[in-house]
Amino acid sequence: MRSLKIEDYNRFTSVCDPQISPDGKRIAFVTIKPDTQENNYKSRIWVINIDNGEVELTTNGPTDTWPRWSQDGKKLLFISRRTIREGEPGNELWIQQINGGEPRLVMKSRNGIIQPSWNPDNKHILYRSTVMRGELDQEARLIDKIPIWFDGIGFTHHINTHLFQIDIYSNEVEQLTSGDIDIVEAKYSNDGKKVAYAATTNYMEPRKQYLHIINLETRETIKLKHMGMGIGPLTWHPDGKRIIFRGNDYRRGYPTHECIWQINIETEELQNLTGKTGYQTNHSIYYDLRGPYQAPQPPIIENDEIYFTQTRGGRHNIYKMNMKTMEVEDVVTGDFVIENFQVKDNKIVYTKVTEKMPAEIYVWENGLERKLTSFNDEILREVKVQEHERFQFKASDGANIEGWIMKPTEYREGEKYPTIIFIHGGPKSTFGYAFMFEHQICAANGYVVIYANIRGSGGYSEEFADIRGKYGERDYQDIMEMIEYVTRKYNYIDEERMGVTGISYGGYMTNWIITQTNKFKAAVSLNGISCWLAEFGTTDIGFHFVPDQIGGDWWNNREEWINKSPITHANKVQTPILIIHSMEDYRCYLDQALLFYTALKYLGKEAKLLLFTSGSHVFSRSGKPNHRVKRLKHMIEWFNQYLKQKT
């Protein structure tokens, strides 16, 4: 076996979004693989037998995603861009007959078809799509709302997202909602006679949504009386009187855990079902082989039990709650990460990731696990993949900090190696038991790789995640105390050759760290933050994120905003830094990189700027394949330049 190469990234296949057929006999899922010649991704839909994994159907692609079964199990809808040229907006809705034949194009929309779902009548399909507000002058945009754009989408000031229904036989389309609102989630009732949807009704409060019920027979819409809250994927209870959903009341701001909630439609009583567990239900663990497609995971009700996932430390596993006793039980748990799952007839189908194995399809039945797919086995038989070792230390304030260390691929006992510290984004993201190509490629290039869930991370308590008003303080201490701990414990770390890197919040921390210490000999900051005022004023979430995280606003807490901005302390930097940014990042806008880079060059510091002319905030995970490869090459070259020679 040989060491991993950066180019090997393009040989891995993302396996995702498993969907069990209504009869429980088949699984539809999506594969996504980089296409180096076209510099994009090829996605296909597969249907396999749930018992033996035999392939029963595949679509030709090259842009097929979102397979969803009709209630009768005879048809599969999916989204594609088969007849749409590169660069053109929109997508298409297709239907594939399971008994064979070519799929049928149902509709094509320049405004996009978002998360379509079947009505139980097997005739209608519900979906979301954007609607333009008034006329738009592409050359001179007159704007009256914020944010003006959204990461991964572009300008959004002129559009709303509404709810539509299409008859697949007549192709008649009906718009079900209207006005200056945005629909974020929607679901047919179990009898198909109603639709529940969650809508943002005030653009100045984008974290607050409200549930509504449409009676499709009378077209009457009622708005449920409950507090505004973040509402994610939802499911109707079989009794038709309750809706179960992933939600967040943000009572503690952004550090608040997302939980499973229930609302009674008749009494409008709202209940947090999983808050007592102390863990979040949303997936926050880093896994960098997903590509550009990720399906949301709704709660699933089977036999009066709610199935859901939670992030607990470095794991993201499946649990269930008995709706009579309200007790929570482990279902599929261990040192791994579940990406998506489905439950049917006592079988659980899921995609599972470990630190050494990318996602594949598995089935859990009668307490036993079966692996059904092997898309990545060939490349894994060819290359060396490193294990990581978990460590835990007690910080100076008594908190336990969980982390992992990975030896170089060609490790030799008795030698010391340069080391790279990785910092995740968020800050409420998480490192854990998931394959990270980025970490593996650093190990393959002779580096010790260290990553930990410092204060601010998800997967632990809300108190642990809450660093509001304390950026650059407790989180910074955790990193420095971690370095002190690992250098004492692992004698193969060369303390004189250490680098640091991170993306988003991790980019902010990288910028902040090198203004506070000269411990690191090289740094790479990706799509990070250097100025909180700029983040507040130029990005999609800045106007509510920054006041929540840093505290107050520019007019009543200006000194703190200035002091917590790395650019304020740029004159102290002595660490050579490579700043990487994508020009279509509307989460941490381009000005963050330009401000810090310009300041450092003006001050005579050692810095380079690597700009990618396209790609969103998460281009390093979902951007064009050649951009992802180039980014890794530049990172490795930068660290090699400053860490491979002893000082």
Foldseek 3Di string as FASTA:
>chain_A
DAADDLVCLQQDKAKDDWDAFLVRFKIKTKIWGFDVVVLAIAMKIWIATPPFLHTQDIDPTRFWHDWAAANVRQKTKIKHAVPPDPPQAWIWIWMDGSVDDDIDTQDTDNQYWANWYYQNVSFKIKTKGKDFADDADPVDGDADDPDQAAFPGGGDRGIAIFMWMAGSPVRDIDTLDDDDKHWAEKDAANNRQKMKTWIDDDRVCVQFIWIKMAGNVVSDIDTQDDGTWHWDYWDADNVNQKIWTFIFRCPQPPLTATAIWMAGNVVRDIGGLCVVVQWHQDAFADAQSNAADADDETWDDDPQKTWTWTFAAQEIAIWIARNVVSDIDGDGDDQWYWRYWDDDPQKIWTWIFFQLGHTFIWIAHPNDIDTNDDSPVVVSVVHDFWDKDKDWDAAPVGDIKIKIKTAARPDDPPAAFAEEEEQEADVAHHYGGGHDVLCSNVSPVTYMYMYINAQLYHNGGSRSNACAQPPPHRRVSVVVVVLVVCVVVDVRHDQQFYEYEYAACSLLVQLSNQLPDPSHQEYERELYAQALVCLLPQARCSVRVSCSRNNDDCVPPVVSRLVSGSLNSLLSGAHAYEYEYECSERNRHPVRRVSSQVSCVVSVHHYHYHYHDDDYSVCCRHNRSVVVSVVSVVVVVRSCVGRVDRD
